[in-house]
């Protein structure tokens, strides 16, 4: 994050899935911008989600 900010990036995006500790991202200033289930990973239980988070440096 420090490198992205020092290089002048306005936003940092990361991809994760529903198996991660999402409290970490909120604690470090990330905002969840999208949540979806890719067709490639659909299961009978439909509980494996993908998330995109953003941290703004503005």
N, C-alpha and C. Protein backbone atom coordinates (compact mmCIF):
# COMPACT_ATOMS: atom_id res chain seq x y z
N UNK A 1 0.82 -1.17 0.00
CA UNK A 1 0.00 0.00 0.00
C UNK A 1 0.88 1.25 0.00
N UNK A 2 1.95 1.21 0.76
CA UNK A 2 2.82 2.38 0.81
C UNK A 2 3.45 2.66 -0.56
N UNK A 3 3.86 1.61 -1.26
CA UNK A 3 4.45 1.79 -2.58
C UNK A 3 3.44 2.37 -3.56
N UNK A 4 2.23 1.82 -3.58
CA UNK A 4 1.20 2.33 -4.49
C UNK A 4 0.92 3.81 -4.21
N UNK A 5 0.81 4.15 -2.95
CA UNK A 5 0.55 5.55 -2.58
C UNK A 5 1.73 6.44 -2.99
N UNK A 6 2.96 5.98 -2.75
CA UNK A 6 4.13 6.80 -3.08
C UNK A 6 4.31 6.97 -4.58
N UNK A 7 3.79 6.04 -5.37
CA UNK A 7 3.87 6.11 -6.83
C UNK A 7 2.74 6.93 -7.44
N UNK A 8 1.85 7.45 -6.59
CA UNK A 8 0.80 8.32 -7.07
C UNK A 8 -0.51 7.64 -7.44
N UNK A 9 -0.65 6.37 -7.12
CA UNK A 9 -1.91 5.69 -7.41
C UNK A 9 -3.03 6.29 -6.56
N UNK A 10 -4.20 6.40 -7.14
CA UNK A 10 -5.35 6.93 -6.41
C UNK A 10 -6.12 5.84 -5.70
N UNK A 11 -6.11 4.62 -6.23
CA UNK A 11 -6.84 3.51 -5.66
C UNK A 11 -6.03 2.23 -5.76
N UNK A 12 -6.26 1.34 -4.82
CA UNK A 12 -5.69 0.01 -4.83
C UNK A 12 -6.86 -0.97 -4.75
N UNK A 13 -6.91 -1.92 -5.65
CA UNK A 13 -7.99 -2.91 -5.68
C UNK A 13 -7.42 -4.27 -5.34
N UNK A 14 -8.23 -5.08 -4.66
CA UNK A 14 -7.84 -6.46 -4.42
C UNK A 14 -9.04 -7.38 -4.60
N UNK A 15 -8.73 -8.59 -5.00
CA UNK A 15 -9.73 -9.63 -5.23
C UNK A 15 -9.57 -10.65 -4.13
N UNK A 16 -10.68 -11.13 -3.60
CA UNK A 16 -10.65 -12.20 -2.61
C UNK A 16 -11.93 -13.02 -2.74
N UNK A 17 -12.05 -14.01 -1.89
CA UNK A 17 -13.25 -14.85 -1.94
C UNK A 17 -13.84 -14.99 -0.54
N UNK A 18 -14.93 -15.72 -0.46
CA UNK A 18 -15.68 -15.80 0.79
C UNK A 18 -14.98 -16.65 1.86
N UNK A 19 -13.83 -17.23 1.56
CA UNK A 19 -13.12 -18.01 2.57
C UNK A 19 -12.14 -17.17 3.39
N UNK A 20 -12.04 -15.87 3.11
CA UNK A 20 -11.08 -15.00 3.79
C UNK A 20 -11.68 -14.31 5.02
N UNK A 21 -10.80 -13.72 5.81
CA UNK A 21 -11.21 -12.92 6.97
C UNK A 21 -11.48 -11.50 6.50
N UNK A 22 -12.72 -11.18 6.23
CA UNK A 22 -13.07 -9.88 5.66
C UNK A 22 -12.97 -8.73 6.65
N UNK A 23 -12.93 -9.02 7.92
CA UNK A 23 -12.72 -7.98 8.91
C UNK A 23 -11.38 -7.28 8.74
N UNK A 24 -10.39 -7.99 8.24
CA UNK A 24 -9.07 -7.42 7.99
C UNK A 24 -9.16 -6.24 7.04
N UNK A 25 -9.92 -6.41 5.96
CA UNK A 25 -9.99 -5.36 4.94
C UNK A 25 -10.66 -4.10 5.47
N UNK A 26 -11.77 -4.25 6.14
CA UNK A 26 -12.46 -3.08 6.72
C UNK A 26 -11.56 -2.39 7.75
N UNK A 27 -10.87 -3.17 8.54
CA UNK A 27 -9.96 -2.61 9.56
C UNK A 27 -8.83 -1.80 8.94
N UNK A 28 -8.43 -2.15 7.73
CA UNK A 28 -7.34 -1.45 7.06
C UNK A 28 -7.82 -0.45 6.01
N UNK A 29 -9.08 -0.06 6.09
CA UNK A 29 -9.58 1.02 5.26
C UNK A 29 -10.06 0.63 3.87
N UNK A 30 -10.26 -0.65 3.61
CA UNK A 30 -10.78 -1.08 2.32
C UNK A 30 -12.30 -1.05 2.33
N UNK A 31 -12.87 -0.76 1.19
CA UNK A 31 -14.33 -0.73 1.01
C UNK A 31 -14.70 -1.83 0.01
N UNK A 32 -15.70 -2.65 0.34
CA UNK A 32 -16.17 -3.67 -0.60
C UNK A 32 -16.97 -2.97 -1.68
N UNK A 33 -16.56 -3.14 -2.95
CA UNK A 33 -17.24 -2.45 -4.05
C UNK A 33 -18.09 -3.38 -4.91
N UNK A 34 -17.83 -4.69 -4.84
CA UNK A 34 -18.65 -5.64 -5.60
C UNK A 34 -18.56 -7.02 -4.97
N UNK A 35 -19.64 -7.74 -5.09
CA UNK A 35 -19.74 -9.13 -4.61
C UNK A 35 -20.47 -9.92 -5.68
N UNK A 36 -19.90 -11.06 -6.10
CA UNK A 36 -20.55 -11.84 -7.14
C UNK A 36 -20.11 -13.30 -7.06
N UNK A 37 -20.82 -14.16 -7.78
CA UNK A 37 -20.48 -15.57 -7.86
C UNK A 37 -20.15 -15.90 -9.31
N UNK A 38 -18.87 -16.12 -9.62
CA UNK A 38 -18.49 -16.47 -10.99
C UNK A 38 -19.12 -17.80 -11.41
N UNK A 39 -19.57 -17.88 -12.62
CA UNK A 39 -20.17 -19.12 -13.13
C UNK A 39 -19.22 -20.30 -13.03
N UNK A 40 -17.93 -20.06 -13.19
CA UNK A 40 -16.94 -21.13 -13.18
C UNK A 40 -16.85 -21.83 -11.83
N UNK A 41 -17.24 -21.14 -10.75
CA UNK A 41 -17.07 -21.69 -9.41
C UNK A 41 -18.38 -22.01 -8.72
N UNK A 42 -19.47 -22.00 -9.45
CA UNK A 42 -20.76 -22.30 -8.82
C UNK A 42 -20.78 -23.74 -8.31
N UNK A 43 -21.39 -23.89 -7.16
CA UNK A 43 -21.56 -25.20 -6.55
C UNK A 43 -23.03 -25.39 -6.22
N UNK A 44 -23.36 -26.57 -5.76
CA UNK A 44 -24.75 -26.82 -5.36
C UNK A 44 -25.19 -25.92 -4.22
N UNK A 45 -24.26 -25.60 -3.32
CA UNK A 45 -24.62 -24.75 -2.18
C UNK A 45 -24.56 -23.26 -2.50
N UNK A 46 -23.90 -22.89 -3.61
CA UNK A 46 -23.80 -21.48 -4.03
C UNK A 46 -23.30 -20.56 -2.92
N UNK A 47 -22.31 -21.02 -2.17
CA UNK A 47 -21.81 -20.21 -1.06
C UNK A 47 -20.38 -19.70 -1.27
N UNK A 48 -19.83 -19.88 -2.45
CA UNK A 48 -18.47 -19.45 -2.73
C UNK A 48 -18.51 -18.16 -3.53
N UNK A 49 -18.38 -17.03 -2.85
CA UNK A 49 -18.51 -15.72 -3.48
C UNK A 49 -17.16 -15.09 -3.73
N UNK A 50 -17.12 -14.17 -4.66
CA UNK A 50 -15.94 -13.36 -4.97
C UNK A 50 -16.24 -11.92 -4.57
N UNK A 51 -15.23 -11.26 -4.02
CA UNK A 51 -15.36 -9.87 -3.60
C UNK A 51 -14.23 -9.04 -4.20
N UNK A 52 -14.53 -7.81 -4.54
CA UNK A 52 -13.52 -6.84 -4.95
C UNK A 52 -13.57 -5.71 -3.91
N UNK A 53 -12.39 -5.40 -3.36
CA UNK A 53 -12.25 -4.33 -2.38
C UNK A 53 -11.40 -3.21 -2.96
N UNK A 54 -11.63 -2.00 -2.49
CA UNK A 54 -10.86 -0.84 -2.93
C UNK A 54 -10.39 -0.05 -1.72
N UNK A 55 -9.16 0.42 -1.80
CA UNK A 55 -8.64 1.38 -0.83
C UNK A 55 -8.27 2.63 -1.60
N UNK A 56 -8.88 3.73 -1.22
CA UNK A 56 -8.62 5.00 -1.89
C UNK A 56 -7.52 5.77 -1.16
N UNK A 57 -6.63 6.37 -1.92
CA UNK A 57 -5.56 7.18 -1.36
C UNK A 57 -5.84 8.67 -1.53
N UNK A 58 -7.03 9.02 -1.97
CA UNK A 58 -7.37 10.44 -2.18
C UNK A 58 -7.73 11.11 -0.89
